[in-house]
């Protein structure tokens, strides 16, 4: 098997937060990554849908993996489950993006597979339903549907690592930022990589992860960035105050 990547930066749920995205990309470069996997929700909530999507497009042109999130799918149709604030931000993104941007988002797959890994925004079971992988049982179903050693997901904005145990089950592990976790191939692994632009654990620092395909290690990171500026951009765009507050506080 020929691997096309060795150290892969995994970014998800950027949510039109350019400052957070740039900080994570710079952090990943400083650690010598060879490529990127972008796990969806590039738009929504934030004020910088256009430059974020353009950055994703450039990375995809260079070989990055990119999959569609539910907010990206809303550029075609905003479903009724979106709340008022999310809907306002999606309408804002629709106005900011041109036909080329929207066509790129529409063309993204729901699931991508490369080597021994599956990449999906939500769950691989029914990716179009946008179900959350938020428990060991949901992780097991997702991993079985993916049918690969490694599954990388977004959608859930916290960072979590699930691993296969005896009896066809999975257990959960909460990783410490910056600490490499061995993920040997003799069992199934599922990583929730966290949110670049919308952390919700009370810490506004951006979240992403790196998978080292050679060492078989996962490292989760939190990257401080100018979240005050990102919140100011949301306010300047006239978007709901709650969206700015969330970026400022990480809740």
Protein backbone atom coordinates (compact mmCIF):
# COMPACT_ATOMS: atom_id res chain seq x y z
CA UNK A 1 0.00 0.00 0.00
CA UNK A 2 1.40 3.40 -0.99
CA UNK A 3 0.45 6.15 1.42
CA UNK A 4 -0.08 9.63 0.00
CA UNK A 5 0.16 11.31 3.39
CA UNK A 6 2.30 10.86 6.49
CA UNK A 7 1.33 13.66 8.88
CA UNK A 8 -2.23 14.84 8.27
CA UNK A 9 -3.79 17.94 9.85
CA UNK A 10 -7.51 17.37 10.57
CA UNK A 11 -9.65 20.51 10.68
CA UNK A 12 -13.43 20.59 11.12
CA UNK A 13 -16.23 23.01 11.90
CA UNK A 14 -14.32 26.12 10.86
CA UNK A 15 -17.62 28.00 10.65
CA UNK A 16 -16.43 31.05 8.72
CA UNK A 17 -13.84 31.93 11.36
CA UNK A 18 -10.84 32.97 9.31
CA UNK A 19 -8.67 33.97 12.28
CA UNK A 20 -9.07 30.55 13.88
CA UNK A 21 -8.44 28.73 10.61
CA UNK A 22 -5.28 30.69 9.86
CA UNK A 23 -3.98 30.03 13.37
CA UNK A 24 -4.53 26.27 13.04
CA UNK A 25 -2.97 26.11 9.58
CA UNK A 26 0.10 28.01 10.82
CA UNK A 27 0.33 25.75 13.86
CA UNK A 28 0.13 22.67 11.62
CA UNK A 29 2.82 24.01 9.29
CA UNK A 30 5.13 24.53 12.25
CA UNK A 31 4.74 20.81 13.00
CA UNK A 32 5.61 19.72 9.49
CA UNK A 33 2.31 18.32 8.27
CA UNK A 34 2.25 16.83 4.80
CA UNK A 35 -1.43 17.39 4.04
CA UNK A 36 -4.86 18.33 5.31
CA UNK A 37 -8.25 16.73 5.80
CA UNK A 38 -11.10 19.24 6.06
CA UNK A 39 -14.17 17.70 7.65
CA UNK A 40 -16.91 20.15 6.75
CA UNK A 41 -18.94 23.05 8.11
CA UNK A 42 -16.80 25.70 6.50
CA UNK A 43 -19.61 28.27 6.65
CA UNK A 44 -22.22 29.33 9.20
CA UNK A 45 -22.01 31.25 12.49
CA UNK A 46 -18.98 33.37 11.52
CA UNK A 47 -18.49 36.38 9.27
CA UNK A 48 -15.80 35.15 6.88
CA UNK A 49 -17.49 32.53 4.75
CA UNK A 50 -15.92 33.71 1.49
CA UNK A 51 -12.21 33.73 2.52
CA UNK A 52 -12.64 30.47 4.46
CA UNK A 53 -14.20 28.68 1.48
CA UNK A 54 -11.53 30.10 -0.82
CA UNK A 55 -8.84 28.75 1.52
CA UNK A 56 -10.51 25.33 1.50
CA UNK A 57 -10.66 25.43 -2.28
CA UNK A 58 -6.94 26.20 -2.53
CA UNK A 59 -6.07 23.38 -0.15
CA UNK A 60 -8.31 20.97 -2.08
CA UNK A 61 -6.56 21.93 -5.32
CA UNK A 62 -3.29 20.89 -3.65
CA UNK A 63 -4.67 17.49 -2.72
CA UNK A 64 -6.43 18.07 0.60
CA UNK A 65 -9.32 15.81 1.51
CA UNK A 66 -12.53 17.81 1.91
CA UNK A 67 -16.03 16.62 2.81
CA UNK A 68 -19.36 18.38 3.13
CA UNK A 69 -20.93 19.45 6.43
CA UNK A 70 -24.56 20.26 7.14
CA UNK A 71 -23.92 24.02 7.10
CA UNK A 72 -22.22 23.65 3.71
CA UNK A 73 -25.22 21.70 2.43
CA UNK A 74 -27.40 24.60 3.56
CA UNK A 75 -25.91 26.75 0.82
CA UNK A 76 -28.23 24.75 -1.43
CA UNK A 77 -31.18 24.54 0.98
CA UNK A 78 -31.54 25.73 4.57
CA UNK A 79 -33.41 23.00 6.43
CA UNK A 80 -35.96 23.75 9.12
CA UNK A 81 -33.88 22.39 12.01
CA UNK A 82 -31.55 25.39 11.94
CA UNK A 83 -32.32 27.94 14.66
CA UNK A 84 -32.76 31.67 14.15
CA UNK A 85 -29.11 32.63 14.71
CA UNK A 86 -27.74 29.84 12.54
CA UNK A 87 -30.24 30.66 9.80
CA UNK A 88 -29.21 34.33 9.85
CA UNK A 89 -25.55 33.38 9.48
CA UNK A 90 -26.33 30.97 6.64
CA UNK A 91 -28.29 33.62 4.76
CA UNK A 92 -25.30 35.94 5.27
CA UNK A 93 -22.99 33.26 3.84
CA UNK A 94 -25.27 32.72 0.86
CA UNK A 95 -24.99 36.41 0.01
CA UNK A 96 -21.21 36.39 0.49
CA UNK A 97 -20.50 33.40 -1.76
CA UNK A 98 -20.66 33.44 -5.54
CA UNK A 99 -21.68 30.62 -7.85
CA UNK A 100 -18.16 29.17 -7.94
CA UNK A 101 -17.97 28.91 -4.14
CA UNK A 102 -21.43 27.40 -3.91
CA UNK A 103 -20.68 24.97 -6.69
CA UNK A 104 -17.55 23.82 -4.90
CA UNK A 105 -19.45 23.19 -1.65
CA UNK A 106 -22.22 21.37 -3.53
CA UNK A 107 -19.66 19.12 -5.22
CA UNK A 108 -18.07 17.93 -1.98
CA UNK A 109 -18.68 14.29 -1.02
CA UNK A 110 -20.31 13.34 2.27
CA UNK A 111 -17.66 10.68 2.89
CA UNK A 112 -14.10 10.21 1.66
CA UNK A 113 -11.83 7.20 2.09
CA UNK A 114 -8.07 7.15 1.72
CA UNK A 115 -5.83 4.23 2.55
CA UNK A 116 -7.09 2.80 5.88
CA UNK A 117 -9.08 5.89 6.90
CA UNK A 118 -12.58 7.28 6.45
CA UNK A 119 -13.32 11.00 6.64
CA UNK A 120 -16.87 12.22 7.34
CA UNK A 121 -18.46 15.27 8.91
CA UNK A 122 -21.12 13.47 10.96
CA UNK A 123 -21.66 9.71 11.09
CA UNK A 124 -20.70 7.27 8.35
CA UNK A 125 -23.90 5.29 9.02
CA UNK A 126 -26.20 7.73 7.23
CA UNK A 127 -24.02 10.78 6.59
CA UNK A 128 -26.86 12.73 5.01
CA UNK A 129 -28.80 12.63 8.30
CA UNK A 130 -26.09 14.57 10.17
CA UNK A 131 -26.29 12.34 13.26
CA UNK A 132 -23.90 13.08 16.12
CA UNK A 133 -21.22 10.61 17.13
CA UNK A 134 -21.50 11.47 20.81
CA UNK A 135 -21.33 8.12 22.60
CA UNK A 136 -19.39 4.84 22.41
CA UNK A 137 -22.39 3.10 20.83
CA UNK A 138 -22.73 5.79 18.13
CA UNK A 139 -18.97 5.59 17.55
CA UNK A 140 -19.18 1.82 17.11
CA UNK A 141 -21.97 2.10 14.55
CA UNK A 142 -20.04 4.77 12.67
CA UNK A 143 -16.83 2.75 12.70
CA UNK A 144 -18.59 -0.38 11.46
CA UNK A 145 -20.22 1.57 8.63
CA UNK A 146 -16.87 3.10 7.68
CA UNK A 147 -15.20 -0.33 7.72
CA UNK A 148 -11.71 1.15 8.02
CA UNK A 149 -9.19 1.10 10.85
CA UNK A 150 -9.43 4.86 11.33
CA UNK A 151 -12.48 7.11 11.15
CA UNK A 152 -12.19 10.89 11.47
CA UNK A 153 -15.30 12.97 12.21
CA UNK A 154 -16.39 16.50 13.04
CA UNK A 155 -19.88 17.84 13.83
CA UNK A 156 -19.46 17.29 17.59
CA UNK A 157 -17.48 20.35 18.63
CA UNK A 158 -15.59 18.68 21.49
CA UNK A 159 -12.49 16.53 21.07
CA UNK A 160 -12.87 12.81 21.76
CA UNK A 161 -11.14 9.58 20.83
CA UNK A 162 -12.95 6.24 20.70
CA UNK A 163 -11.26 2.87 20.43
CA UNK A 164 -12.43 -0.69 19.92
CA UNK A 165 -12.52 -3.07 22.88
CA UNK A 166 -13.60 -6.67 23.31
CA UNK A 167 -17.19 -7.67 22.67
CA UNK A 168 -17.63 -5.48 19.60
CA UNK A 169 -17.79 -2.30 21.67
CA UNK A 170 -15.96 1.01 21.82
CA UNK A 171 -14.68 3.03 24.76
CA UNK A 172 -14.15 6.78 24.97
CA UNK A 173 -10.96 8.63 25.83
CA UNK A 174 -10.65 12.39 26.33
CA UNK A 175 -7.24 13.44 24.99
CA UNK A 176 -4.98 16.05 26.59
CA UNK A 177 -3.92 18.83 24.20
CA UNK A 178 -0.46 18.35 22.78
CA UNK A 179 -0.01 14.80 24.04
CA UNK A 180 0.51 12.15 21.35
CA UNK A 181 -1.76 9.11 21.70
CA UNK A 182 -0.67 5.78 20.16
CA UNK A 183 -3.36 4.50 17.79
CA UNK A 184 -2.05 1.14 16.67
CA UNK A 185 -3.79 -0.61 13.81
CA UNK A 186 -4.78 -3.78 15.67
CA UNK A 187 -8.05 -2.14 16.77
CA UNK A 188 -10.56 0.36 15.33
CA UNK A 189 -10.18 4.05 16.16
CA UNK A 190 -12.59 6.96 15.76
CA UNK A 191 -11.45 10.54 16.40
CA UNK A 192 -13.71 13.55 16.88
CA UNK A 193 -11.25 16.29 16.03
CA UNK A 194 -13.03 19.29 17.61
CA UNK A 195 -14.04 22.64 16.15
CA UNK A 196 -11.64 25.16 14.68
CA UNK A 197 -14.04 28.08 14.77
CA UNK A 198 -16.71 27.20 17.35
CA UNK A 199 -15.31 25.43 20.46
CA UNK A 200 -18.03 24.96 23.08
CA UNK A 201 -16.21 23.79 26.20
CA UNK A 202 -15.58 27.19 27.74
CA UNK A 203 -12.19 27.58 26.07
CA UNK A 204 -12.19 29.85 23.00
CA UNK A 205 -8.92 28.42 21.63
CA UNK A 206 -9.31 26.72 18.25
CA UNK A 207 -9.24 22.92 18.14
CA UNK A 208 -7.78 20.57 15.57
CA UNK A 209 -5.72 17.36 15.43
CA UNK A 210 -2.80 15.75 13.62
CA UNK A 211 -2.69 12.09 12.60
CA UNK A 212 0.81 10.69 12.12
CA UNK A 213 0.34 7.81 9.70
CA UNK A 214 3.92 6.62 10.08
CA UNK A 215 4.12 6.61 13.89
CA UNK A 216 0.43 5.69 14.26
CA UNK A 217 -0.19 8.58 16.67
CA UNK A 218 -2.98 11.13 17.14
CA UNK A 219 -2.27 14.48 18.75
CA UNK A 220 -5.07 16.89 19.59
CA UNK A 221 -4.32 20.60 19.88
CA UNK A 222 -5.87 23.80 21.19
CA UNK A 223 -4.52 26.90 19.47
CA UNK A 224 -5.03 30.39 20.92
CA UNK A 225 -5.93 33.00 18.32
CA UNK A 226 -7.44 36.48 18.17
CA UNK A 227 -10.98 35.42 19.07
CA UNK A 228 -11.80 39.01 20.05
CA UNK A 229 -11.18 40.09 16.45
CA UNK A 230 -13.27 37.20 15.13
CA UNK A 231 -16.14 38.25 17.41
CA UNK A 232 -15.76 41.86 16.29
CA UNK A 233 -16.09 40.75 12.66
CA UNK A 234 -19.35 38.99 13.51
CA UNK A 235 -20.73 42.13 15.13
CA UNK A 236 -19.55 44.33 12.27
CA UNK A 237 -21.39 42.04 9.85
CA UNK A 238 -24.63 42.64 11.75
CA UNK A 239 -25.01 38.99 12.73
CA UNK A 240 -26.73 38.01 16.01
CA UNK A 241 -24.86 39.01 19.16
CA UNK A 242 -25.05 35.46 20.51
CA UNK A 243 -22.74 34.28 17.73
CA UNK A 244 -20.08 36.82 18.69
CA UNK A 245 -20.44 35.98 22.38
CA UNK A 246 -19.96 32.29 21.66
CA UNK A 247 -16.69 32.93 19.82
CA UNK A 248 -15.44 35.18 22.62
CA UNK A 249 -16.25 32.73 25.41
CA UNK A 250 -16.07 29.32 23.74
CA UNK A 251 -19.48 28.26 25.02
